[in-house]
Amino acid sequence: MTNSVESIVISLGNEPAEALGFKTEDQIETALIPLMADAFPDESIDL
């Protein structure tokens, strides 16, 4: 019996906007700003 090992490579951040449900990267950034503000309340996050 042979054991096989598969490597699963997860590439986060390289998905096209459409794969995430957005039409443009600007839409992604607009959606992320409030989330980043919640995660980093002491930081100033501007467009």
Protein backbone atom coordinates (compact mmCIF):
# COMPACT_ATOMS: atom_id res chain seq x y z
CA MET A 1 0.00 0.00 0.00
CA THR A 2 1.32 3.43 -0.97
CA ASN A 3 0.73 6.60 1.02
CA SER A 4 0.39 9.78 -0.94
CA VAL A 5 0.80 13.25 0.45
CA GLU A 6 -0.95 16.12 -1.21
CA SER A 7 0.09 19.70 -0.65
CA ILE A 8 -2.74 22.15 -0.46
CA VAL A 9 -1.61 25.66 -1.18
CA ILE A 10 -3.94 28.38 -0.03
CA SER A 11 -3.42 31.66 -1.79
CA LEU A 12 -5.30 34.42 -0.04
CA GLY A 13 -5.43 37.84 -1.59
CA ASN A 14 -4.93 36.76 -5.17
CA GLU A 15 -8.55 36.05 -5.99
CA PRO A 16 -10.17 38.19 -8.68
CA ALA A 17 -12.84 40.62 -7.45
CA GLU A 18 -15.55 38.61 -9.19
CA ALA A 19 -14.70 35.49 -7.17
CA LEU A 20 -15.47 37.47 -4.01
CA GLY A 21 -18.76 38.84 -5.31
CA PHE A 22 -17.51 42.28 -6.33
CA LYS A 23 -17.17 43.85 -9.75
CA THR A 24 -14.09 46.00 -9.02
CA GLU A 25 -11.24 46.18 -6.54
CA ASP A 26 -12.55 49.60 -5.47
CA GLN A 27 -15.74 47.91 -4.27
CA ILE A 28 -13.65 45.51 -2.18
CA GLU A 29 -11.72 48.38 -0.59
CA THR A 30 -14.96 50.24 0.17
CA ALA A 31 -16.32 47.14 1.91
CA LEU A 32 -13.10 46.54 3.86
CA ILE A 33 -12.68 50.04 5.33
CA PRO A 34 -15.44 49.70 7.99
CA LEU A 35 -14.23 46.20 8.85
CA MET A 36 -10.65 47.39 9.28
CA ALA A 37 -11.87 50.31 11.42
CA ASP A 38 -13.56 47.79 13.75
CA ALA A 39 -10.43 45.64 13.92
CA PHE A 40 -8.05 48.58 14.43
CA PRO A 41 -10.08 51.23 16.31
CA ASP A 42 -7.00 53.26 17.33
CA GLU A 43 -5.74 53.64 13.77
CA SER A 44 -6.93 56.24 11.28
CA ILE A 45 -8.01 54.51 8.06
CA ASP A 46 -8.60 56.79 5.12
CA LEU A 47 -9.60 56.11 1.53
